[in-house]
Amino acid sequence: MKRVYDLRHACVSTWLNGGVPPTRIAEWAGHSVEVLLRVYAKCIEGQDETAKRRIEQALRGD
């Protein structure tokens, strides 16, 4: 890693992609949710299918 913030970015990206709620990640990272989503939005783009699948599972009671 080139910079200390690269490790931070890797952690936040991993948490977002792992489904950790943004409010929790923002708290851990010391960001507001607004800043978190603005900075890391590119990490969660394209996750529509995953979101749809989770909604369907919740509606079915899985």
Foldseek 3Di string as FASTA:
>chain_A
DPDPVVVVLVVLLVCVVVPPDLCVNCVVSVHHSVVSCVVCVVSCPPCVVVVVVVVVCVVVVD
